[in-house]
Amino acid sequence: MSVFQENGMSGNYAIEIERLSVTYDASPVLWQIDLKIPKGKMVAILGPNGGGKSTLLKAVTGLLTPFSGRIKCLGKPYKKVGRQIAYVPQRSTVDWDFPVSVFDVVSMGCFGRKGLFKRIGKEDRQLIDQAMSDLGLTSLADRQIGELSGGQQQKVFLARALVQQPEIYLMDEPFSGVDLATEKTIVTLLKKLQTEGKTIVLVHHDLYSVSRYFDYGVLLSTALVASGPIEEIFVRENLLKTYGEHFSFFEDTKDIL
């Protein structure tokens, strides 16, 4: 039965994926993924390097063309609801030498709602100011983005996403290269968004923080290993299937599970 037709419950899901396969140079990176992510969840995408985590987000946003399969966001193809989805890429994929200021980048979040050539109005400016204030960026508004620390850069792109006012946030390794204080700031803000009914999907690596930060998880290793509430899927058997021999690195699993 089609994942889109099951129980006729498409309206309850932020993202629905059916038989998704993505290949690079004829090698599968994602293979036959069937996945449904409910609305309003804080979701961790977990798995080994090369397991398809970033590829999954890029396929959802149309940045990659799948080999096969179908994807719906909020019950519709991405092209019809793209303005309701904010994507925060990995820091390593951004050209930080590009001559734009913090304010310039954050204000780009308005374009998804207004269109590329519309002027920023008073309401937009209030959203920009509030997002920068929430993330401690106000004093950096005129700084060139390449002058910022890794944590500050991550905050800038999150602020841009906030200004977009989406229903779904897709974030690729948002805690990479940030200090613990910045990580806690970001988590607090994301949890606040969740209380407002937003869906937050993060590629995540730190297994020790999964149970504290997330209520839903997706375990990927090219194929889908498991998905569902963290307390149901975040168990040793699934982690062994996902990480294989590399899971032995986490010897004391009682600190993880």
Protein backbone atom coordinates (compact mmCIF):
# COMPACT_ATOMS: atom_id res chain seq x y z
CA MET A 1 0.00 0.00 0.00
CA SER A 2 1.26 3.49 -0.80
CA VAL A 3 2.70 5.41 2.15
CA PHE A 4 0.60 8.35 0.96
CA GLN A 5 -2.66 6.41 1.09
CA GLU A 6 -2.27 4.49 4.31
CA ASN A 7 -5.20 5.28 6.59
CA GLY A 8 -5.86 8.43 4.56
CA MET A 9 -3.85 10.37 7.15
CA SER A 10 -1.61 12.50 4.92
CA GLY A 11 -2.72 15.66 6.74
CA ASN A 12 -1.06 14.50 9.98
CA TYR A 13 2.43 14.41 8.53
CA ALA A 14 5.00 17.10 7.87
CA ILE A 15 7.01 14.91 5.48
CA GLU A 16 6.03 11.72 3.64
CA ILE A 17 8.51 9.72 1.60
CA GLU A 18 7.71 6.71 -0.54
CA ARG A 19 10.29 4.31 -2.03
CA LEU A 20 12.95 7.02 -2.23
CA SER A 21 16.28 6.04 -3.78
CA VAL A 22 19.19 8.40 -4.48
CA THR A 23 22.39 7.35 -6.22
CA TYR A 24 25.79 8.96 -6.82
CA ASP A 25 27.73 7.56 -9.77
CA ALA A 26 25.41 4.54 -9.82
CA SER A 27 26.10 3.78 -6.12
CA PRO A 28 23.08 3.96 -3.79
CA VAL A 29 23.22 6.56 -1.04
CA LEU A 30 19.58 6.13 -0.07
CA TRP A 31 17.67 3.02 -1.04
CA GLN A 32 13.92 2.38 -1.00
CA ILE A 33 13.15 4.71 1.89
CA ASP A 34 9.56 4.73 3.18
CA LEU A 35 9.21 7.33 5.89
CA LYS A 36 6.57 9.53 7.50
CA ILE A 37 7.44 12.31 9.93
CA PRO A 38 4.52 13.62 12.01
CA LYS A 39 3.91 17.32 12.38
CA GLY A 40 5.14 19.13 15.47
CA LYS A 41 8.06 16.84 16.29
CA MET A 42 11.70 17.52 17.14
CA VAL A 43 13.38 14.93 14.91
CA ALA A 44 16.95 13.61 14.88
CA ILE A 45 18.29 12.10 11.66
CA LEU A 46 20.99 9.70 12.85
CA GLY A 47 23.45 7.41 11.13
CA PRO A 48 27.08 6.85 10.11
CA ASN A 49 29.05 9.09 7.79
CA GLY A 50 27.93 8.35 4.26
CA GLY A 51 24.66 6.89 5.49
CA GLY A 52 22.51 9.35 3.57
CA LYS A 53 21.48 11.86 6.25
CA SER A 54 22.37 15.05 4.37
CA THR A 55 21.21 13.47 1.13
CA LEU A 56 17.78 12.91 2.65
CA LEU A 57 17.36 16.61 3.47
CA LYS A 58 18.59 17.66 0.04
CA ALA A 59 16.15 15.27 -1.63
CA VAL A 60 13.26 16.67 0.42
CA THR A 61 14.12 20.24 -0.62
CA GLY A 62 14.62 19.36 -4.28
CA LEU A 63 18.36 20.09 -4.23
CA LEU A 64 18.91 16.52 -5.42
CA THR A 65 16.89 14.62 -7.99
CA PRO A 66 16.03 11.13 -6.73
CA PHE A 67 16.67 8.03 -8.77
CA SER A 68 13.13 6.98 -7.83
CA GLY A 69 10.40 7.66 -5.32
CA ARG A 70 8.03 10.40 -4.23
CA ILE A 71 8.17 13.05 -1.51
CA LYS A 72 5.43 15.20 -0.05
CA CYS A 73 5.72 18.03 2.46
CA LEU A 74 2.59 19.14 4.29
CA GLY A 75 0.65 16.85 1.96
CA LYS A 76 1.95 18.44 -1.28
CA PRO A 77 5.03 18.33 -3.54
CA TYR A 78 7.86 20.58 -2.33
CA LYS A 79 7.45 23.00 -5.25
CA LYS A 80 3.99 23.93 -3.97
CA VAL A 81 4.97 24.47 -0.34
CA GLY A 82 8.65 25.41 -0.50
CA ARG A 83 8.06 28.77 1.18
CA GLN A 84 6.84 26.92 4.26
CA ILE A 85 10.11 25.01 4.57
CA ALA A 86 13.40 26.50 5.77
CA TYR A 87 16.65 24.69 5.02
CA VAL A 88 19.82 25.40 7.00
CA PRO A 89 22.81 23.80 5.21
CA GLN A 90 26.06 22.58 6.67
CA ARG A 91 28.45 25.42 7.42
CA SER A 92 31.12 23.74 5.27
CA THR A 93 28.99 24.23 2.15
CA VAL A 94 28.70 28.02 2.53
CA ASP A 95 31.03 30.56 0.91
CA TRP A 96 31.89 32.61 3.99
CA ASP A 97 34.07 34.98 1.94
CA PHE A 98 31.04 36.31 0.09
CA PRO A 99 30.80 40.06 0.91
CA VAL A 100 27.51 40.20 2.82
CA SER A 101 26.75 41.31 6.35
CA VAL A 102 24.89 39.49 9.11
CA PHE A 103 21.87 41.71 8.49
CA ASP A 104 21.98 40.93 4.75
CA VAL A 105 21.92 37.17 5.33
CA VAL A 106 19.18 37.27 7.97
CA SER A 107 17.02 39.52 5.78
CA MET A 108 17.18 36.92 3.02
CA GLY A 109 14.64 35.00 5.05
CA CYS A 110 12.04 37.52 3.91
CA PHE A 111 12.46 36.64 0.24
CA GLY A 112 10.81 33.26 0.58
CA ARG A 113 7.62 34.91 1.82
CA LYS A 114 7.67 38.11 -0.21
CA GLY A 115 9.54 37.27 -3.39
CA LEU A 116 13.07 38.15 -4.41
CA PHE A 117 12.50 41.73 -5.55
CA LYS A 118 10.06 42.99 -2.91
CA ARG A 119 11.29 45.64 -0.49
CA ILE A 120 11.71 44.91 3.18
CA GLY A 121 8.91 46.61 5.12
CA LYS A 122 8.39 47.58 8.75
CA GLU A 123 6.95 44.19 9.72
CA ASP A 124 9.87 42.41 8.04
CA ARG A 125 12.36 44.61 9.88
CA GLN A 126 10.69 43.71 13.17
CA LEU A 127 11.04 40.01 12.37
CA ILE A 128 14.70 40.46 11.46
CA ASP A 129 15.44 42.44 14.61
CA GLN A 130 13.63 39.90 16.79
CA ALA A 131 15.44 36.92 15.25
CA MET A 132 18.84 38.57 15.71
CA SER A 133 17.95 39.54 19.27
CA ASP A 134 16.82 36.00 20.13
CA LEU A 135 20.17 34.66 18.94
CA GLY A 136 22.40 37.39 20.32
CA LEU A 137 23.34 38.80 16.92
CA THR A 138 22.14 42.39 17.21
CA SER A 139 25.60 43.86 17.86
CA LEU A 140 26.98 41.93 14.86
CA ALA A 141 24.45 43.19 12.31
CA ASP A 142 27.04 45.03 10.19
CA ARG A 143 29.79 42.42 10.43
CA GLN A 144 30.84 40.47 7.33
CA ILE A 145 29.85 36.84 7.80
CA GLY A 146 33.39 35.59 7.22
CA GLU A 147 34.54 37.47 10.33
CA LEU A 148 32.28 35.48 12.63
CA SER A 149 33.05 32.42 14.72
CA GLY A 150 31.57 29.08 13.74
CA GLY A 151 28.86 29.35 16.38
CA GLN A 152 27.95 32.86 15.29
CA GLN A 153 27.74 31.77 11.66
CA GLN A 154 25.39 28.96 12.62
CA LYS A 155 23.19 31.42 14.50
CA VAL A 156 23.04 33.70 11.46
CA PHE A 157 21.58 30.98 9.26
CA LEU A 158 19.14 29.94 11.96
CA ALA A 159 18.03 33.58 12.25
CA ARG A 160 17.46 33.65 8.49
CA ALA A 161 15.27 30.56 8.85
CA LEU A 162 13.29 32.18 11.69
CA VAL A 163 12.54 35.24 9.57
CA GLN A 164 11.14 32.95 6.88
CA GLN A 165 8.46 31.82 9.40
CA PRO A 166 8.20 28.29 8.00
CA GLU A 167 6.22 25.32 9.22
CA ILE A 168 9.17 22.93 8.79
CA TYR A 169 12.82 23.54 9.69
CA LEU A 170 15.40 21.26 8.04
CA MET A 171 18.87 21.67 9.55
CA ASP A 172 22.05 19.87 8.51
CA GLU A 173 24.40 19.42 11.47
CA PRO A 174 23.51 22.71 13.20
CA PHE A 175 25.68 21.88 16.23
CA SER A 176 28.85 21.17 14.25
CA GLY A 177 31.65 23.48 15.38
CA VAL A 178 29.64 25.33 18.02
CA ASP A 179 30.36 25.54 21.74
CA LEU A 180 28.06 24.10 24.39
CA ALA A 181 26.53 27.46 25.28
CA THR A 182 25.58 28.10 21.64
CA GLU A 183 24.19 24.59 21.32
CA LYS A 184 21.98 25.11 24.36
CA THR A 185 20.77 28.45 23.00
CA ILE A 186 19.82 26.85 19.69
CA VAL A 187 18.09 23.88 21.37
CA THR A 188 16.06 26.18 23.64
CA LEU A 189 14.91 28.21 20.65
CA LEU A 190 14.03 25.11 18.61
CA LYS A 191 12.02 23.64 21.48
CA LYS A 192 10.11 26.91 21.71
CA LEU A 193 9.30 26.63 18.00
CA GLN A 194 8.10 23.09 18.61
CA THR A 195 5.63 24.32 21.23
CA GLU A 196 4.25 26.59 18.49
CA GLY A 197 3.53 23.54 16.34
CA LYS A 198 6.57 23.72 14.08
CA THR A 199 8.36 20.60 12.87
CA ILE A 200 12.14 20.57 13.31
CA VAL A 201 14.30 17.97 11.56
CA LEU A 202 18.03 17.91 12.34
CA VAL A 203 20.94 15.84 11.09
CA HIS A 204 22.63 14.98 14.38
CA HIS A 205 25.75 13.09 15.49
CA ASP A 206 25.97 13.21 19.27
CA LEU A 207 24.24 10.08 20.51
CA TYR A 208 24.61 11.18 24.12
CA SER A 209 22.24 14.14 23.70
CA VAL A 210 19.57 12.44 21.60
CA SER A 211 17.22 11.53 24.45
CA ARG A 212 17.47 15.04 25.95
CA TYR A 213 16.89 16.99 22.76
CA PHE A 214 14.55 14.93 20.58
CA ASP A 215 11.22 13.16 20.80
CA TYR A 216 11.36 11.47 17.37
CA GLY A 217 14.15 9.82 15.43
CA VAL A 218 15.14 8.42 12.05
CA LEU A 219 17.99 5.88 11.87
CA LEU A 220 19.60 5.73 8.42
CA SER A 221 22.37 3.64 6.94
CA THR A 222 21.58 3.91 3.20
CA ALA A 223 18.38 2.01 4.01
CA LEU A 224 15.96 3.02 6.74
CA VAL A 225 16.74 1.08 9.92
CA ALA A 226 13.97 2.52 12.09
CA SER A 227 11.85 5.61 12.67
CA GLY A 228 9.50 6.61 15.45
CA PRO A 229 9.44 7.99 19.00
CA ILE A 230 12.92 8.10 20.52
CA GLU A 231 11.98 5.87 23.44
CA GLU A 232 10.89 3.14 21.00
CA ILE A 233 13.64 3.18 18.37
CA PHE A 234 16.71 4.39 20.26
CA VAL A 235 17.70 0.94 21.50
CA ARG A 236 20.94 -1.02 21.27
CA GLU A 237 19.69 -3.44 18.60
CA ASN A 238 18.78 -0.61 16.20
CA LEU A 239 22.00 1.28 16.90
CA LEU A 240 24.05 -1.81 16.11
CA LYS A 241 22.18 -2.20 12.82
CA THR A 242 22.75 1.47 12.02
CA TYR A 243 26.40 1.93 13.00
CA GLY A 244 27.66 -1.65 12.79
CA GLU A 245 31.14 -2.20 14.21
CA HIS A 246 31.53 1.54 14.73
CA PHE A 247 28.97 1.41 17.52
CA SER A 248 31.64 -0.31 19.65
CA PHE A 249 33.14 3.17 20.06
CA PHE A 250 30.30 3.87 22.48
CA GLU A 251 31.31 1.26 25.01
CA ASP A 252 29.17 2.51 27.88
CA THR A 253 25.75 2.49 26.26
CA LYS A 254 23.93 3.22 29.52
CA ASP A 255 25.05 6.84 29.07
CA ILE A 256 23.41 6.91 25.63
CA LEU A 257 20.21 4.91 25.94
